[in-house]
PDB file of N, CA and C in Angstrom:
ATOM      1  N   UNK A   1      51.140  52.118 -38.940  1.00  0.00           N
ATOM      2  CA  UNK A   1      51.523  53.193 -38.735  1.00  0.00           C
ATOM      3  C   UNK A   1      50.277  53.467 -37.098  1.00  0.00           C
ATOM      4  N   UNK A   2      50.802  54.427 -36.369  1.00  0.00           N
ATOM      5  CA  UNK A   2      50.038  54.839 -34.827  1.00  0.00           C
ATOM      6  C   UNK A   2      49.210  56.509 -35.221  1.00  0.00           C
ATOM      7  N   UNK A   3      48.761  56.171 -35.809  1.00  0.00           N
ATOM      8  CA  UNK A   3      46.939  57.335 -35.488  1.00  0.00           C
ATOM      9  C   UNK A   3      46.875  57.629 -34.110  1.00  0.00           C
ATOM     10  N   UNK A   4      46.155  58.239 -33.460  1.00  0.00           N
ATOM     11  CA  UNK A   4      46.054  59.345 -32.621  1.00  0.00           C
ATOM     12  C   UNK A   4      44.687  59.759 -33.189  1.00  0.00           C
ATOM     13  N   UNK A   5      43.989  58.917 -33.265  1.00  0.00           N
ATOM     14  CA  UNK A   5      42.879  59.492 -33.557  1.00  0.00           C
ATOM     15  C   UNK A   5      41.548  60.043 -32.458  1.00  0.00           C
ATOM     16  N   UNK A   6      41.164  61.339 -32.046  1.00  0.00           N
ATOM     17  CA  UNK A   6      40.229  61.301 -31.123  1.00  0.00           C
ATOM     18  C   UNK A   6      38.745  60.745 -30.523  1.00  0.00           C
ATOM     19  N   UNK A   7      37.965  61.190 -30.258  1.00  0.00           N
ATOM     20  CA  UNK A   7      36.561  60.288 -30.411  1.00  0.00           C
ATOM     21  C   UNK A   7      35.109  60.106 -31.035  1.00  0.00           C
ATOM     22  N   UNK A   8      35.596  61.324 -31.912  1.00  0.00           N
ATOM     23  CA  UNK A   8      34.637  61.226 -33.050  1.00  0.00           C
ATOM     24  C   UNK A   8      35.548  60.911 -34.125  1.00  0.00           C
ATOM     25  N   UNK A   9      36.530  60.609 -34.335  1.00  0.00           N
ATOM     26  CA  UNK A   9      37.211  60.624 -35.731  1.00  0.00           C
ATOM     27  C   UNK A   9      37.346  58.895 -35.238  1.00  0.00           C
ATOM     28  N   UNK A  10      37.458  58.473 -34.481  1.00  0.00           N
ATOM     29  CA  UNK A  10      37.039  56.751 -33.542  1.00  0.00           C
ATOM     30  C   UNK A  10      35.515  56.335 -34.081  1.00  0.00           C
ATOM     31  N   UNK A  11      34.237  57.403 -33.970  1.00  0.00           N
ATOM     32  CA  UNK A  11      33.194  56.929 -34.256  1.00  0.00           C
ATOM     33  C   UNK A  11      32.804  56.557 -35.448  1.00  0.00           C
ATOM     34  N   UNK A  12      33.614  57.731 -36.160  1.00  0.00           N
ATOM     35  CA  UNK A  12      33.448  56.924 -37.900  1.00  0.00           C
ATOM     36  C   UNK A  12      34.511  55.933 -38.816  1.00  0.00           C
ATOM     37  N   UNK A  13      35.233  55.777 -37.824  1.00  0.00           N
ATOM     38  CA  UNK A  13      36.024  54.634 -38.402  1.00  0.00           C
ATOM     39  C   UNK A  13      35.426  53.410 -38.206  1.00  0.00           C
ATOM     40  N   UNK A  14      34.999  53.721 -36.716  1.00  0.00           N
ATOM     41  CA  UNK A  14      34.276  52.526 -36.077  1.00  0.00           C
ATOM     42  C   UNK A  14      32.724  52.476 -37.091  1.00  0.00           C
ATOM     43  N   UNK A  15      32.011  53.154 -37.586  1.00  0.00           N
ATOM     44  CA  UNK A  15      31.142  53.419 -38.436  1.00  0.00           C
ATOM     45  C   UNK A  15      31.338  53.057 -39.975  1.00  0.00           C
ATOM     46  N   UNK A  16      32.215  53.260 -40.901  1.00  0.00           N
ATOM     47  CA  UNK A  16      32.319  53.144 -41.930  1.00  0.00           C
ATOM     48  C   UNK A  16      32.941  51.965 -42.188  1.00  0.00           C
ATOM     49  N   UNK A  17      33.605  51.079 -40.967  1.00  0.00           N
ATOM     50  CA  UNK A  17      34.086  49.860 -41.173  1.00  0.00           C
ATOM     51  C   UNK A  17      32.996  48.499 -41.211  1.00  0.00           C
ATOM     52  N   UNK A  18      32.058  49.217 -39.539  1.00  0.00           N
ATOM     53  CA  UNK A  18      30.826  48.525 -40.041  1.00  0.00           C
ATOM     54  C   UNK A  18      29.757  48.134 -41.354  1.00  0.00           C
ATOM     55  N   UNK A  19      30.127  49.430 -42.145  1.00  0.00           N
ATOM     56  CA  UNK A  19      29.560  49.613 -43.458  1.00  0.00           C
ATOM     57  C   UNK A  19      28.499  50.906 -43.484  1.00  0.00           C
ATOM     58  N   UNK A  20      27.726  51.702 -42.595  1.00  0.00           N
ATOM     59  CA  UNK A  20      27.953  52.153 -41.731  1.00  0.00           C
ATOM     60  C   UNK A  20      27.444  53.714 -42.439  1.00  0.00           C
ATOM     61  N   UNK A  21      28.222  53.534 -43.534  1.00  0.00           N
ATOM     62  CA  UNK A  21      28.922  55.200 -43.829  1.00  0.00           C
ATOM     63  C   UNK A  21      28.867  54.776 -44.838  1.00  0.00           C
ATOM     64  N   UNK A  22      28.207  55.566 -45.504  1.00  0.00           N
ATOM     65  CA  UNK A  22      27.315  55.590 -47.173  1.00  0.00           C
ATOM     66  C   UNK A  22      27.947  57.524 -47.939  1.00  0.00           C
ATOM     67  N   UNK A  23      27.804  57.194 -48.992  1.00  0.00           N
ATOM     68  CA  UNK A  23      28.749  58.976 -49.911  1.00  0.00           C
ATOM     69  C   UNK A  23      27.331  59.339 -49.944  1.00  0.00           C
ATOM     70  N   UNK A  24      27.659  60.927 -49.674  1.00  0.00           N
ATOM     71  CA  UNK A  24      25.983  61.508 -50.140  1.00  0.00           C
ATOM     72  C   UNK A  24      25.840  61.212 -51.081  1.00  0.00           C
ATOM     73  N   UNK A  25      24.699  61.012 -51.269  1.00  0.00           N
ATOM     74  CA  UNK A  25      23.694  61.309 -53.243  1.00  0.00           C
ATOM     75  C   UNK A  25      24.236  62.041 -53.964  1.00  0.00           C
ATOM     76  N   UNK A  26      24.563  63.265 -53.650  1.00  0.00           N
ATOM     77  CA  UNK A  26      24.527  64.414 -54.503  1.00  0.00           C
ATOM     78  C   UNK A  26      26.277  65.016 -54.019  1.00  0.00           C
ATOM     79  N   UNK A  27      26.685  63.767 -53.990  1.00  0.00           N
ATOM     80  CA  UNK A  27      28.835  63.714 -53.846  1.00  0.00           C
ATOM     81  C   UNK A  27      29.214  64.512 -54.850  1.00  0.00           C
ATOM     82  N   UNK A  28      28.967  65.237 -55.805  1.00  0.00           N
ATOM     83  CA  UNK A  28      29.363  65.682 -56.560  1.00  0.00           C
ATOM     84  C   UNK A  28      28.890  66.744 -56.250  1.00  0.00           C
ATOM     85  N   UNK A  29      27.688  67.234 -56.251  1.00  0.00           N
ATOM     86  CA  UNK A  29      28.061  68.588 -56.234  1.00  0.00           C
ATOM     87  C   UNK A  29      28.126  69.203 -54.770  1.00  0.00           C
ATOM     88  N   UNK A  30      28.640  68.591 -54.211  1.00  0.00           N
ATOM     89  CA  UNK A  30      29.071  69.083 -52.279  1.00  0.00           C
ATOM     90  C   UNK A  30      30.958  68.968 -52.713  1.00  0.00           C
ATOM     91  N   UNK A  31      30.796  68.121 -54.043  1.00  0.00           N
ATOM     92  CA  UNK A  31      32.440  68.783 -54.311  1.00  0.00           C
ATOM     93  C   UNK A  31      33.066  69.794 -55.152  1.00  0.00           C
ATOM     94  N   UNK A  32      31.597  70.294 -55.652  1.00  0.00           N
ATOM     95  CA  UNK A  32      31.843  71.514 -56.584  1.00  0.00           C
ATOM     96  C   UNK A  32      31.756  72.482 -55.351  1.00  0.00           C
ATOM     97  N   UNK A  33      30.561  72.095 -54.545  1.00  0.00           N
ATOM     98  CA  UNK A  33      30.464  73.484 -53.515  1.00  0.00           C
ATOM     99  C   UNK A  33      31.918  73.912 -52.706  1.00  0.00           C
ATOM    100  N   UNK A  34      33.067  72.252 -52.284  1.00  0.00           N
ATOM    101  CA  UNK A  34      33.423  72.755 -51.722  1.00  0.00           C
ATOM    102  C   UNK A  34      34.835  73.306 -51.927  1.00  0.00           C
ATOM    103  N   UNK A  35      34.732  73.209 -53.730  1.00  0.00           N
ATOM    104  CA  UNK A  35      35.502  73.297 -54.083  1.00  0.00           C
ATOM    105  C   UNK A  35      35.970  75.427 -54.749  1.00  0.00           C
ATOM    106  N   UNK A  36      34.576  75.473 -54.547  1.00  0.00           N
ATOM    107  CA  UNK A  36      33.929  76.781 -54.751  1.00  0.00           C
ATOM    108  C   UNK A  36      34.197  77.604 -53.592  1.00  0.00           C
ATOM    109  N   UNK A  37      34.246  77.039 -52.281  1.00  0.00           N
ATOM    110  CA  UNK A  37      34.405  77.776 -51.167  1.00  0.00           C
ATOM    111  C   UNK A  37      35.721  77.936 -50.957  1.00  0.00           C
ATOM    112  N   UNK A  38      36.767  76.593 -51.518  1.00  0.00           N
ATOM    113  CA  UNK A  38      38.121  76.785 -51.130  1.00  0.00           C
ATOM    114  C   UNK A  38      38.491  78.211 -52.094  1.00  0.00           C
ATOM    115  N   UNK A  39      37.848  78.126 -53.165  1.00  0.00           N
ATOM    116  CA  UNK A  39      38.335  79.085 -54.495  1.00  0.00           C
ATOM    117  C   UNK A  39      37.805  80.793 -53.698  1.00  0.00           C
ATOM    118  N   UNK A  40      36.779  81.009 -53.410  1.00  0.00           N
ATOM    119  CA  UNK A  40      36.696  81.978 -52.988  1.00  0.00           C
ATOM    120  C   UNK A  40      37.091  82.225 -51.720  1.00  0.00           C
ATOM    121  N   UNK A  41      37.459  81.780 -51.158  1.00  0.00           N
ATOM    122  CA  UNK A  41      38.189  81.863 -49.528  1.00  0.00           C
ATOM    123  C   UNK A  41      39.698  82.446 -50.078  1.00  0.00           C
ATOM    124  N   UNK A  42      40.261  81.696 -51.039  1.00  0.00           N
ATOM    125  CA  UNK A  42      41.728  82.166 -51.634  1.00  0.00           C
ATOM    126  C   UNK A  42      41.753  83.798 -52.397  1.00  0.00           C
ATOM    127  N   UNK A  43      40.502  83.180 -53.516  1.00  0.00           N
ATOM    128  CA  UNK A  43      40.950  84.942 -54.275  1.00  0.00           C
ATOM    129  C   UNK A  43      39.891  85.921 -53.929  1.00  0.00           C
ATOM    130  N   UNK A  44      39.894  86.877 -52.129  1.00  0.00           N
ATOM    131  CA  UNK A  44      39.738  87.378 -51.872  1.00  0.00           C
ATOM    132  C   UNK A  44      39.572  88.760 -52.620  1.00  0.00           C
ATOM    133  N   UNK A  45      39.317  89.955 -53.135  1.00  0.00           N
ATOM    134  CA  UNK A  45      39.450  90.941 -53.905  1.00  0.00           C
ATOM    135  C   UNK A  45      38.757  92.124 -53.499  1.00  0.00           C
ATOM    136  N   UNK A  46      38.150  92.327 -52.607  1.00  0.00           N
ATOM    137  CA  UNK A  46      37.064  93.407 -52.044  1.00  0.00           C
ATOM    138  C   UNK A  46      36.658  92.998 -50.756  1.00  0.00           C
ATOM    139  N   UNK A  47      36.715  94.236 -50.179  1.00  0.00           N
ATOM    140  CA  UNK A  47      36.853  94.277 -48.722  1.00  0.00           C
ATOM    141  C   UNK A  47      35.136  95.093 -48.834  1.00  0.00           C
ATOM    142  N   UNK A  48      34.329  94.398 -47.309  1.00  0.00           N
ATOM    143  CA  UNK A  48      32.743  94.881 -48.010  1.00  0.00           C
ATOM    144  C   UNK A  48      32.554  95.265 -46.356  1.00  0.00           C
ATOM    145  N   UNK A  49      31.982  95.925 -45.006  1.00  0.00           N
ATOM    146  CA  UNK A  49      32.064  96.262 -44.905  1.00  0.00           C
ATOM    147  C   UNK A  49      29.874  95.739 -44.234  1.00  0.00           C
ATOM    148  N   UNK A  50      29.462  95.122 -43.874  1.00  0.00           N
ATOM    149  CA  UNK A  50      27.951  94.350 -43.704  1.00  0.00           C
ATOM    150  C   UNK A  50      27.001  94.601 -42.778  1.00  0.00           C
ATOM    151  N   UNK A  51      26.314  95.025 -42.259  1.00  0.00           N
ATOM    152  CA  UNK A  51      25.678  94.823 -40.726  1.00  0.00           C
ATOM    153  C   UNK A  51      24.079  94.356 -41.024  1.00  0.00           C
ATOM    154  N   UNK A  52      24.265  93.672 -39.845  1.00  0.00           N
ATOM    155  CA  UNK A  52      23.365  92.649 -39.357  1.00  0.00           C
ATOM    156  C   UNK A  52      23.190  92.772 -38.255  1.00  0.00           C
ATOM    157  N   UNK A  53      21.407  92.199 -38.019  1.00  0.00           N
ATOM    158  CA  UNK A  53      21.135  92.460 -36.990  1.00  0.00           C
ATOM    159  C   UNK A  53      21.808  91.135 -36.080  1.00  0.00           C
ATOM    160  N   UNK A  54      21.642  91.047 -34.897  1.00  0.00           N
ATOM    161  CA  UNK A  54      22.093  90.401 -34.171  1.00  0.00           C
ATOM    162  C   UNK A  54      22.297  88.711 -34.232  1.00  0.00           C
ATOM    163  N   UNK A  55      20.660  89.317 -34.284  1.00  0.00           N
ATOM    164  CA  UNK A  55      20.281  87.515 -34.275  1.00  0.00           C
ATOM    165  C   UNK A  55      20.513  86.543 -35.300  1.00  0.00           C
ATOM    166  N   UNK A  56      20.867  87.639 -37.045  1.00  0.00           N
ATOM    167  CA  UNK A  56      21.061  86.854 -37.943  1.00  0.00           C
ATOM    168  C   UNK A  56      22.647  86.587 -38.026  1.00  0.00           C
ATOM    169  N   UNK A  57      23.587  87.775 -37.203  1.00  0.00           N
ATOM    170  CA  UNK A  57      24.986  87.093 -36.582  1.00  0.00           C
ATOM    171  C   UNK A  57      25.262  86.310 -36.143  1.00  0.00           C
ATOM    172  N   UNK A  58      24.528  85.476 -35.039  1.00  0.00           N
ATOM    173  CA  UNK A  58      24.482  84.887 -34.758  1.00  0.00           C
ATOM    174  C   UNK A  58      24.112  83.508 -35.388  1.00  0.00           C
ATOM    175  N   UNK A  59      23.163  84.015 -36.117  1.00  0.00           N
ATOM    176  CA  UNK A  59      22.680  82.471 -36.512  1.00  0.00           C
ATOM    177  C   UNK A  59      23.474  81.694 -38.195  1.00  0.00           C
ATOM    178  N   UNK A  60      24.680  83.571 -38.021  1.00  0.00           N
ATOM    179  CA  UNK A  60      25.792  83.045 -39.471  1.00  0.00           C
ATOM    180  C   UNK A  60      26.575  82.130 -39.045  1.00  0.00           C
ATOM    181  N   UNK A  61      27.275  82.721 -37.183  1.00  0.00           N
ATOM    182  CA  UNK A  61      28.512  81.840 -36.667  1.00  0.00           C
ATOM    183  C   UNK A  61      27.200  80.357 -36.295  1.00  0.00           C
ATOM    184  N   UNK A  62      26.603  80.651 -35.467  1.00  0.00           N
ATOM    185  CA  UNK A  62      25.773  78.988 -35.953  1.00  0.00           C
ATOM    186  C   UNK A  62      26.220  77.937 -36.792  1.00  0.00           C
ATOM    187  N   UNK A  63      25.122  78.535 -38.054  1.00  0.00           N
ATOM    188  CA  UNK A  63      25.348  77.412 -39.241  1.00  0.00           C
ATOM    189  C   UNK A  63      26.688  77.572 -39.690  1.00  0.00           C
ATOM    190  N   UNK A  64      27.691  78.485 -39.617  1.00  0.00           N
ATOM    191  CA  UNK A  64      29.260  77.967 -39.858  1.00  0.00           C
ATOM    192  C   UNK A  64      29.659  77.130 -39.265  1.00  0.00           C
ATOM    193  N   UNK A  65      29.512  77.223 -38.208  1.00  0.00           N
ATOM    194  CA  UNK A  65      30.102  76.416 -37.054  1.00  0.00           C
ATOM    195  C   UNK A  65      29.765  75.036 -37.814  1.00  0.00           C
ATOM    196  N   UNK A  66      27.981  74.799 -38.195  1.00  0.00           N
ATOM    197  CA  UNK A  66      28.409  73.350 -38.151  1.00  0.00           C
ATOM    198  C   UNK A  66      28.283  73.250 -39.750  1.00  0.00           C
ATOM    199  N   UNK A  67      28.836  74.074 -40.507  1.00  0.00           N
ATOM    200  CA  UNK A  67      29.240  73.690 -41.898  1.00  0.00           C
ATOM    201  C   UNK A  67      30.977  73.474 -41.503  1.00  0.00           C
ATOM    202  N   UNK A  68      31.857  73.683 -40.618  1.00  0.00           N
ATOM    203  CA  UNK A  68      32.794  73.771 -40.161  1.00  0.00           C
ATOM    204  C   UNK A  68      33.553  75.597 -41.137  1.00  0.00           C
ATOM    205  N   UNK A  69      33.077  76.127 -41.248  1.00  0.00           N
ATOM    206  CA  UNK A  69      33.439  77.291 -42.324  1.00  0.00           C
ATOM    207  C   UNK A  69      33.899  78.164 -41.537  1.00  0.00           C
ATOM    208  N   UNK A  70      34.265  79.259 -41.454  1.00  0.00           N
ATOM    209  CA  UNK A  70      34.481  80.832 -41.128  1.00  0.00           C
ATOM    210  C   UNK A  70      33.310  81.216 -41.470  1.00  0.00           C
ATOM    211  N   UNK A  71      32.221  82.455 -40.676  1.00  0.00           N
ATOM    212  CA  UNK A  71      31.328  82.880 -40.674  1.00  0.00           C
ATOM    213  C   UNK A  71      31.398  83.740 -41.932  1.00  0.00           C
ATOM    214  N   UNK A  72      32.150  84.564 -41.624  1.00  0.00           N
ATOM    215  CA  UNK A  72      33.022  85.854 -43.242  1.00  0.00           C
ATOM    216  C   UNK A  72      33.235  84.853 -44.773  1.00  0.00           C
ATOM    217  N   UNK A  73      33.499  83.368 -44.385  1.00  0.00           N
ATOM    218  CA  UNK A  73      33.934  82.727 -45.987  1.00  0.00           C
ATOM    219  C   UNK A  73      31.593  82.074 -46.548  1.00  0.00           C
ATOM    220  N   UNK A  74      31.408  81.729 -45.527  1.00  0.00           N
ATOM    221  CA  UNK A  74      29.834  81.363 -45.205  1.00  0.00           C
ATOM    222  C   UNK A  74      28.806  82.437 -45.717  1.00  0.00           C
ATOM    223  N   UNK A  75      29.512  83.736 -45.316  1.00  0.00           N
ATOM    224  CA  UNK A  75      27.927  84.915 -45.559  1.00  0.00           C
ATOM    225  C   UNK A  75      28.574  85.170 -47.013  1.00  0.00           C
ATOM    226  N   UNK A  76      29.861  85.267 -47.661  1.00  0.00           N
ATOM    227  CA  UNK A  76      30.202  85.073 -48.889  1.00  0.00           C
ATOM    228  C   UNK A  76      30.032  84.406 -50.417  1.00  0.00           C
ATOM    229  N   UNK A  77      29.548  82.793 -49.346  1.00  0.00           N
ATOM    230  CA  UNK A  77      29.279  81.967 -50.778  1.00  0.00           C
ATOM    231  C   UNK A  77      27.721  81.880 -50.596  1.00  0.00           C
ATOM    232  N   UNK A  78      27.273  82.913 -49.849  1.00  0.00           N
ATOM    233  CA  UNK A  78      25.052  83.094 -49.492  1.00  0.00           C
ATOM    234  C   UNK A  78      24.911  84.019 -50.832  1.00  0.00           C
ATOM    235  N   UNK A  79      25.959  85.424 -51.074  1.00  0.00           N
ATOM    236  CA  UNK A  79      26.322  85.917 -51.093  1.00  0.00           C
ATOM    237  C   UNK A  79      26.108  85.556 -52.896  1.00  0.00           C
ATOM    238  N   UNK A  80      27.602  84.863 -53.032  1.00  0.00           N
ATOM    239  CA  UNK A  80      27.906  84.377 -54.237  1.00  0.00           C
ATOM    240  C   UNK A  80      26.697  83.971 -54.939  1.00  0.00           C
ATOM    241  N   UNK A  81      25.812  82.722 -54.529  1.00  0.00           N
ATOM    242  CA  UNK A  81      25.313  81.778 -55.058  1.00  0.00           C
ATOM    243  C   UNK A  81      23.987  82.172 -55.207  1.00  0.00           C
ATOM    244  N   UNK A  82      24.148  83.673 -54.445  1.00  0.00           N
ATOM    245  CA  UNK A  82      22.412  84.105 -54.691  1.00  0.00           C
ATOM    246  C   UNK A  82      22.611  84.899 -55.920  1.00  0.00           C
ATOM    247  N   UNK A  83      23.631  85.376 -56.262  1.00  0.00           N
ATOM    248  CA  UNK A  83      23.834  86.946 -57.149  1.00  0.00           C
ATOM    249  C   UNK A  83      24.008  85.851 -58.705  1.00  0.00           C
ATOM    250  N   UNK A  84      24.714  84.331 -58.722  1.00  0.00           N
ATOM    251  CA  UNK A  84      24.910  83.727 -60.361  1.00  0.00           C
ATOM    252  C   UNK A  84      23.235  83.297 -60.487  1.00  0.00           C
ATOM    253  N   UNK A  85      22.651  83.150 -58.692  1.00  0.00           N
ATOM    254  CA  UNK A  85      21.317  82.228 -59.252  1.00  0.00           C
ATOM    255  C   UNK A  85      21.495  80.842 -59.012  1.00  0.00           C
ATOM    256  N   UNK A  86      22.361  80.053 -58.402  1.00  0.00           N
ATOM    257  CA  UNK A  86      22.138  79.643 -57.493  1.00  0.00           C
ATOM    258  C   UNK A  86      21.944  79.034 -56.067  1.00  0.00           C
ATOM    259  N   UNK A  87      21.600  80.191 -55.363  1.00  0.00           N
ATOM    260  CA  UNK A  87      20.092  80.165 -54.203  1.00  0.00           C
ATOM    261  C   UNK A  87      19.890  79.755 -53.988  1.00  0.00           C
ATOM    262  N   UNK A  88      19.411  78.220 -54.288  1.00  0.00           N
ATOM    263  CA  UNK A  88      17.893  77.340 -54.282  1.00  0.00           C
ATOM    264  C   UNK A  88      16.903  77.430 -52.257  1.00  0.00           C
ATOM    265  N   UNK A  89      15.895  77.089 -52.825  1.00  0.00           N
ATOM    266  CA  UNK A  89      14.914  77.944 -51.351  1.00  0.00           C
ATOM    267  C   UNK A  89      14.608  76.479 -51.502  1.00  0.00           C
ATOM    268  N   UNK A  90      15.007  76.163 -49.963  1.00  0.00           N
ATOM    269  CA  UNK A  90      13.762  75.092 -49.677  1.00  0.00           C
ATOM    270  C   UNK A  90      12.467  74.810 -49.706  1.00  0.00           C
ATOM    271  N   UNK A  91      12.783  74.252 -50.294  1.00  0.00           N
ATOM    272  CA  UNK A  91      10.459  73.324 -50.453  1.00  0.00           C
ATOM    273  C   UNK A  91       9.559  72.140 -48.911  1.00  0.00           C
TER     274      UNK A  91
END
């Protein structure tokens, strides 16, 4: 098959083929989090208006971009994790 990979994909493929890529140590947790984000994205039920400082709004966009998510999905996930007691503080 003929694939058209971009530069980033080629770098990832090369690293994989050289054995430099390893599974995340918490792979199952990462999978569950991704599934939850996907479910939350599909099951929107209420609209909320939220005021943030300009800095927090910017940081939410930056973090969401790093995670490959829309910022609204990231914020919804943070709120959900906090409310269900699953948001943990880094030490």
